């Protein structure tokens, strides 16, 4: 999860494991990286299902040639799922539109699926 990313992304390598084809966006997205370079893409996997603590959540994932991460969930996804980040306690709370709430607890700098329902 990356609150600094405006969109959600999937690595091209990880996307190659999916059994569906990506959609072509009607535009080319230029993504700036922290190193000052840019990446270009026009491919997106729409409605990718993910499971967190047995809860199905969906994301539109834009394909990027990244290596260090399989999936980056950005502000588009975090806002839809009403995420609240508590940096002091190293947690992220979710309050889904249907009223379901749950929390991720951070471990060693990463948010891990150590779940406790609120």
N, C-alpha and C. Protein backbone atom coordinates (compact mmCIF):
# COMPACT_ATOMS: atom_id res chain seq x y z
N UNK A 1 0.85 -1.16 0.00
CA UNK A 1 0.00 0.00 0.00
C UNK A 1 0.90 1.22 0.00
N UNK A 2 0.58 2.17 -0.86
CA UNK A 2 1.42 3.34 -1.01
C UNK A 2 0.56 4.58 -1.11
N UNK A 3 0.51 5.35 -0.01
CA UNK A 3 -0.31 6.57 0.00
C UNK A 3 0.28 7.65 -0.89
N UNK A 4 1.50 7.46 -1.39
CA UNK A 4 2.13 8.41 -2.30
C UNK A 4 1.84 8.13 -3.76
N UNK A 5 1.20 6.99 -4.04
CA UNK A 5 0.86 6.64 -5.43
C UNK A 5 -0.59 7.02 -5.71
N UNK A 6 -0.82 7.73 -6.79
CA UNK A 6 -2.19 8.13 -7.13
C UNK A 6 -3.01 6.97 -7.69
N UNK A 7 -2.34 6.01 -8.31
CA UNK A 7 -2.99 4.87 -8.93
C UNK A 7 -2.46 3.57 -8.31
N UNK A 8 -3.09 2.46 -8.68
CA UNK A 8 -2.63 1.14 -8.24
C UNK A 8 -1.99 0.42 -9.41
N UNK A 9 -0.94 -0.35 -9.13
CA UNK A 9 -0.11 -0.92 -10.18
C UNK A 9 0.16 -2.40 -9.94
N UNK A 10 0.48 -3.10 -11.03
CA UNK A 10 0.92 -4.49 -10.98
C UNK A 10 2.17 -4.60 -11.84
N UNK A 11 3.14 -5.37 -11.38
CA UNK A 11 4.35 -5.54 -12.18
C UNK A 11 4.03 -6.37 -13.42
N UNK A 12 4.69 -6.08 -14.51
CA UNK A 12 4.48 -6.84 -15.75
C UNK A 12 4.79 -8.31 -15.54
N UNK A 13 5.82 -8.60 -14.75
CA UNK A 13 6.21 -9.99 -14.47
C UNK A 13 5.10 -10.72 -13.72
N UNK A 14 4.55 -10.10 -12.69
CA UNK A 14 3.49 -10.71 -11.90
C UNK A 14 2.20 -10.82 -12.73
N UNK A 15 1.93 -9.81 -13.54
CA UNK A 15 0.73 -9.82 -14.39
C UNK A 15 0.77 -10.97 -15.39
N UNK A 16 1.97 -11.39 -15.80
CA UNK A 16 2.08 -12.49 -16.76
C UNK A 16 1.56 -13.81 -16.18
N UNK A 17 1.39 -13.87 -14.87
CA UNK A 17 0.83 -15.07 -14.23
C UNK A 17 -0.69 -15.11 -14.28
N UNK A 18 -1.33 -13.99 -14.63
CA UNK A 18 -2.79 -13.94 -14.67
C UNK A 18 -3.30 -14.64 -15.92
N UNK A 19 -4.49 -15.20 -15.83
CA UNK A 19 -5.05 -15.95 -16.96
C UNK A 19 -5.97 -15.09 -17.83
N UNK A 20 -6.06 -13.81 -17.55
CA UNK A 20 -6.88 -12.90 -18.36
C UNK A 20 -5.97 -11.89 -19.04
N UNK A 21 -6.47 -11.30 -20.09
CA UNK A 21 -5.70 -10.28 -20.82
C UNK A 21 -6.04 -8.90 -20.26
N UNK A 22 -5.08 -7.99 -20.29
CA UNK A 22 -5.36 -6.63 -19.81
C UNK A 22 -6.19 -5.86 -20.83
N UNK A 23 -6.84 -4.81 -20.36
CA UNK A 23 -7.54 -3.88 -21.24
C UNK A 23 -6.55 -2.80 -21.66
N UNK A 24 -6.81 -2.22 -22.82
CA UNK A 24 -6.01 -1.10 -23.30
C UNK A 24 -6.72 0.20 -22.89
N UNK A 25 -6.00 1.06 -22.19
CA UNK A 25 -6.58 2.35 -21.79
C UNK A 25 -6.66 3.25 -23.02
N UNK A 26 -7.51 4.24 -22.98
CA UNK A 26 -7.69 5.13 -24.12
C UNK A 26 -6.61 6.21 -24.17
N UNK A 27 -5.64 6.12 -23.29
CA UNK A 27 -4.55 7.09 -23.23
C UNK A 27 -3.29 6.39 -22.73
N UNK A 28 -2.16 7.04 -22.89
CA UNK A 28 -0.91 6.52 -22.34
C UNK A 28 -0.65 7.25 -21.02
N UNK A 29 -0.46 6.48 -19.97
CA UNK A 29 -0.18 7.04 -18.66
C UNK A 29 1.33 7.14 -18.48
N UNK A 30 1.79 8.32 -18.08
CA UNK A 30 3.20 8.54 -17.80
C UNK A 30 3.35 8.56 -16.28
N UNK A 31 4.14 7.64 -15.75
CA UNK A 31 4.32 7.51 -14.32
C UNK A 31 5.73 7.95 -13.95
N UNK A 32 5.83 8.95 -13.08
CA UNK A 32 7.12 9.42 -12.59
C UNK A 32 7.56 8.58 -11.40
N UNK A 33 8.83 8.25 -11.36
CA UNK A 33 9.36 7.45 -10.26
C UNK A 33 10.17 8.33 -9.31
N UNK A 34 10.43 7.86 -8.09
CA UNK A 34 11.24 8.64 -7.15
C UNK A 34 12.66 8.92 -7.65
N UNK A 35 13.15 8.11 -8.59
CA UNK A 35 14.50 8.32 -9.11
C UNK A 35 14.55 9.37 -10.22
N UNK A 36 13.39 9.91 -10.58
CA UNK A 36 13.35 10.94 -11.60
C UNK A 36 13.12 10.42 -13.01
N UNK A 37 12.98 9.12 -13.17
CA UNK A 37 12.69 8.56 -14.49
C UNK A 37 11.17 8.47 -14.68
N UNK A 38 10.77 8.17 -15.89
CA UNK A 38 9.35 8.01 -16.20
C UNK A 38 9.12 6.67 -16.87
N UNK A 39 7.95 6.09 -16.61
CA UNK A 39 7.52 4.86 -17.26
C UNK A 39 6.21 5.16 -17.99
N UNK A 40 6.01 4.48 -19.11
CA UNK A 40 4.83 4.69 -19.92
C UNK A 40 4.03 3.40 -19.99
N UNK A 41 2.70 3.52 -19.91
CA UNK A 41 1.86 2.34 -19.98
C UNK A 41 0.48 2.70 -20.51
N UNK A 42 -0.17 1.72 -21.10
CA UNK A 42 -1.57 1.89 -21.52
C UNK A 42 -2.37 0.62 -21.23
N UNK A 43 -1.86 -0.24 -20.34
CA UNK A 43 -2.52 -1.51 -20.04
C UNK A 43 -3.00 -1.53 -18.60
N UNK A 44 -4.21 -2.08 -18.40
CA UNK A 44 -4.80 -2.16 -17.06
C UNK A 44 -5.58 -3.46 -16.93
N UNK A 45 -5.45 -4.09 -15.79
CA UNK A 45 -6.28 -5.24 -15.43
C UNK A 45 -7.40 -4.69 -14.55
N UNK A 46 -8.62 -4.78 -15.01
CA UNK A 46 -9.76 -4.21 -14.29
C UNK A 46 -10.40 -5.26 -13.37
N UNK A 47 -10.77 -4.81 -12.19
CA UNK A 47 -11.52 -5.64 -11.26
C UNK A 47 -10.77 -6.86 -10.75
N UNK A 48 -9.47 -6.72 -10.50
CA UNK A 48 -8.69 -7.84 -9.97
C UNK A 48 -9.13 -8.13 -8.54
N UNK A 49 -9.44 -9.38 -8.27
CA UNK A 49 -9.88 -9.77 -6.93
C UNK A 49 -8.69 -10.10 -6.05
N UNK A 50 -8.73 -9.54 -4.83
CA UNK A 50 -7.75 -9.85 -3.80
C UNK A 50 -8.51 -10.25 -2.55
N UNK A 51 -7.91 -11.08 -1.74
CA UNK A 51 -8.55 -11.49 -0.50
C UNK A 51 -7.71 -11.06 0.68
N UNK A 52 -8.33 -10.37 1.62
CA UNK A 52 -7.66 -9.96 2.85
C UNK A 52 -8.52 -10.44 4.01
N UNK A 53 -7.98 -11.35 4.78
CA UNK A 53 -8.69 -11.94 5.92
C UNK A 53 -10.03 -12.52 5.47
N UNK A 54 -10.03 -13.12 4.29
CA UNK A 54 -11.25 -13.74 3.78
C UNK A 54 -12.23 -12.78 3.17
N UNK A 55 -11.88 -11.51 3.08
CA UNK A 55 -12.75 -10.49 2.50
C UNK A 55 -12.27 -10.23 1.08
N UNK A 56 -13.16 -10.35 0.10
CA UNK A 56 -12.80 -10.08 -1.29
C UNK A 56 -12.84 -8.58 -1.56
N UNK A 57 -11.73 -8.07 -2.07
CA UNK A 57 -11.62 -6.67 -2.44
C UNK A 57 -11.12 -6.62 -3.88
N UNK A 58 -11.48 -5.57 -4.60
CA UNK A 58 -11.17 -5.50 -6.02
C UNK A 58 -10.36 -4.23 -6.33
N UNK A 59 -9.50 -4.35 -7.35
CA UNK A 59 -8.67 -3.22 -7.75
C UNK A 59 -8.46 -3.23 -9.25
N UNK A 60 -8.38 -2.03 -9.82
CA UNK A 60 -7.93 -1.87 -11.20
C UNK A 60 -6.43 -1.65 -11.12
N UNK A 61 -5.66 -2.55 -11.73
CA UNK A 61 -4.20 -2.53 -11.61
C UNK A 61 -3.56 -2.19 -12.95
N UNK A 62 -2.81 -1.11 -12.97
CA UNK A 62 -2.13 -0.65 -14.18
C UNK A 62 -0.78 -1.35 -14.27
N UNK A 63 -0.47 -1.86 -15.45
CA UNK A 63 0.76 -2.63 -15.66
C UNK A 63 1.96 -1.69 -15.79
N UNK A 64 3.00 -1.98 -15.00
CA UNK A 64 4.25 -1.22 -15.07
C UNK A 64 5.44 -2.17 -15.05
N UNK A 65 6.54 -1.80 -15.68
CA UNK A 65 7.75 -2.63 -15.66
C UNK A 65 8.54 -2.39 -14.37
N UNK A 66 7.94 -2.74 -13.23
CA UNK A 66 8.60 -2.59 -11.93
C UNK A 66 9.12 -3.94 -11.47
N UNK A 67 10.14 -3.91 -10.61
CA UNK A 67 10.77 -5.16 -10.17
C UNK A 67 10.64 -5.44 -8.68
N UNK A 68 10.60 -4.41 -7.88
CA UNK A 68 10.67 -4.60 -6.44
C UNK A 68 9.34 -4.98 -5.79
N UNK A 69 8.23 -4.76 -6.47
CA UNK A 69 6.92 -5.04 -5.91
C UNK A 69 6.06 -5.75 -6.94
N UNK A 70 5.20 -6.66 -6.48
CA UNK A 70 4.25 -7.31 -7.38
C UNK A 70 3.04 -6.42 -7.61
N UNK A 71 2.51 -5.84 -6.53
CA UNK A 71 1.33 -4.98 -6.61
C UNK A 71 1.54 -3.77 -5.70
N UNK A 72 1.15 -2.61 -6.17
CA UNK A 72 1.14 -1.39 -5.36
C UNK A 72 -0.30 -0.90 -5.32
N UNK A 73 -0.87 -0.83 -4.14
CA UNK A 73 -2.22 -0.31 -3.98
C UNK A 73 -2.10 1.16 -3.61
N UNK A 74 -2.56 2.03 -4.50
CA UNK A 74 -2.40 3.47 -4.33
C UNK A 74 -3.64 4.15 -3.79
N UNK A 75 -3.63 5.47 -3.85
CA UNK A 75 -4.71 6.27 -3.29
C UNK A 75 -6.06 5.99 -3.94
N UNK A 76 -6.09 5.62 -5.20
CA UNK A 76 -7.37 5.29 -5.82
C UNK A 76 -8.04 4.14 -5.07
N UNK A 77 -7.29 3.11 -4.75
CA UNK A 77 -7.80 1.94 -4.05
C UNK A 77 -8.03 2.24 -2.57
N UNK A 78 -7.06 2.91 -1.95
CA UNK A 78 -7.17 3.23 -0.52
C UNK A 78 -8.39 4.09 -0.22
N UNK A 79 -8.69 5.06 -1.07
CA UNK A 79 -9.84 5.93 -0.82
C UNK A 79 -11.16 5.19 -1.01
N UNK A 80 -11.26 4.33 -2.02
CA UNK A 80 -12.48 3.54 -2.23
C UNK A 80 -12.77 2.65 -1.03
N UNK A 81 -11.70 2.13 -0.42
CA UNK A 81 -11.84 1.23 0.72
C UNK A 81 -11.72 1.96 2.06
N UNK A 82 -11.81 3.28 2.00
CA UNK A 82 -11.85 4.15 3.18
C UNK A 82 -10.74 3.82 4.18
N UNK A 83 -9.54 3.72 3.68
CA UNK A 83 -8.40 3.38 4.53
C UNK A 83 -7.96 4.59 5.34
N UNK A 84 -7.56 4.31 6.58
CA UNK A 84 -6.98 5.32 7.45
C UNK A 84 -5.66 4.78 7.99
N UNK A 85 -4.60 5.54 7.77
CA UNK A 85 -3.28 5.12 8.18
C UNK A 85 -2.93 5.77 9.52
N UNK A 86 -2.49 4.95 10.46
CA UNK A 86 -2.03 5.43 11.77
C UNK A 86 -0.54 5.11 11.85
N UNK A 87 0.29 6.08 11.51
CA UNK A 87 1.73 5.86 11.46
C UNK A 87 2.31 5.58 12.84
N UNK A 88 1.80 6.24 13.87
CA UNK A 88 2.32 6.05 15.21
C UNK A 88 2.14 4.61 15.69
N UNK A 89 0.97 4.03 15.45
CA UNK A 89 0.68 2.66 15.88
C UNK A 89 0.98 1.62 14.80
N UNK A 90 1.44 2.10 13.63
CA UNK A 90 1.79 1.21 12.52
C UNK A 90 0.62 0.30 12.12
N UNK A 91 -0.54 0.93 11.95
CA UNK A 91 -1.74 0.19 11.56
C UNK A 91 -2.44 0.90 10.40
N UNK A 92 -3.27 0.16 9.71
CA UNK A 92 -4.13 0.73 8.69
C UNK A 92 -5.53 0.15 8.91
N UNK A 93 -6.50 1.05 9.11
CA UNK A 93 -7.88 0.65 9.33
C UNK A 93 -8.66 0.81 8.03
N UNK A 94 -9.56 -0.12 7.79
CA UNK A 94 -10.44 -0.07 6.63
C UNK A 94 -11.87 -0.07 7.10
N UNK A 95 -12.70 0.76 6.50
CA UNK A 95 -14.13 0.79 6.75
C UNK A 95 -14.79 0.74 5.38
N UNK A 96 -15.16 -0.46 4.95
CA UNK A 96 -15.70 -0.66 3.60
C UNK A 96 -17.08 -0.03 3.48
N UNK A 97 -17.49 0.31 2.27
CA UNK A 97 -18.81 0.92 2.06
C UNK A 97 -19.97 0.11 2.63
N UNK A 98 -19.81 -1.23 2.72
CA UNK A 98 -20.90 -2.05 3.28
C UNK A 98 -20.87 -2.11 4.80
N UNK A 99 -19.95 -1.36 5.44
CA UNK A 99 -19.87 -1.32 6.90
C UNK A 99 -18.85 -2.27 7.50
N UNK A 100 -18.28 -3.18 6.72
CA UNK A 100 -17.25 -4.08 7.21
C UNK A 100 -16.01 -3.28 7.59
N UNK A 101 -15.46 -3.55 8.76
CA UNK A 101 -14.24 -2.88 9.19
C UNK A 101 -13.20 -3.91 9.58
N UNK A 102 -11.93 -3.59 9.30
CA UNK A 102 -10.83 -4.44 9.73
C UNK A 102 -9.56 -3.62 9.78
N UNK A 103 -8.52 -4.18 10.37
CA UNK A 103 -7.27 -3.48 10.58
C UNK A 103 -6.08 -4.34 10.19
N UNK A 104 -5.10 -3.71 9.54
CA UNK A 104 -3.80 -4.33 9.29
C UNK A 104 -2.85 -3.80 10.35
N UNK A 105 -2.02 -4.66 10.87
CA UNK A 105 -1.00 -4.28 11.84
C UNK A 105 0.36 -4.40 11.19
N UNK A 106 1.18 -3.36 11.27
CA UNK A 106 2.49 -3.37 10.66
C UNK A 106 3.47 -4.23 11.43
N UNK A 107 4.44 -4.78 10.69
CA UNK A 107 5.47 -5.62 11.27
C UNK A 107 6.76 -5.40 10.49
N UNK A 108 7.79 -4.91 11.14
CA UNK A 108 9.09 -4.70 10.51
C UNK A 108 9.02 -3.79 9.29
N UNK A 109 8.23 -2.73 9.38
CA UNK A 109 8.17 -1.76 8.30
C UNK A 109 7.16 -2.07 7.21
N UNK A 110 6.50 -3.23 7.28
CA UNK A 110 5.51 -3.60 6.27
C UNK A 110 4.17 -3.83 6.95
N UNK A 111 3.09 -3.51 6.26
CA UNK A 111 1.77 -3.86 6.74
C UNK A 111 1.52 -5.32 6.39
N UNK A 112 1.23 -6.12 7.37
CA UNK A 112 1.05 -7.54 7.16
C UNK A 112 -0.37 -7.94 7.47
N UNK A 113 -0.79 -9.07 6.94
CA UNK A 113 -2.18 -9.49 7.16
C UNK A 113 -2.41 -10.11 8.54
N UNK A 114 -1.86 -9.45 9.56
CA UNK A 114 -2.20 -9.81 10.94
C UNK A 114 -3.46 -9.03 11.22
N UNK A 115 -4.58 -9.69 11.13
CA UNK A 115 -5.86 -9.00 11.13
C UNK A 115 -6.52 -9.02 12.50
N UNK A 116 -7.14 -7.91 12.85
CA UNK A 116 -8.03 -7.89 13.98
C UNK A 116 -9.25 -7.09 13.52
N UNK A 117 -10.40 -7.66 13.70
CA UNK A 117 -11.62 -6.97 13.28
C UNK A 117 -12.01 -5.95 14.32
N UNK A 118 -12.34 -4.77 13.87
CA UNK A 118 -12.70 -3.67 14.77
C UNK A 118 -14.15 -3.81 15.17
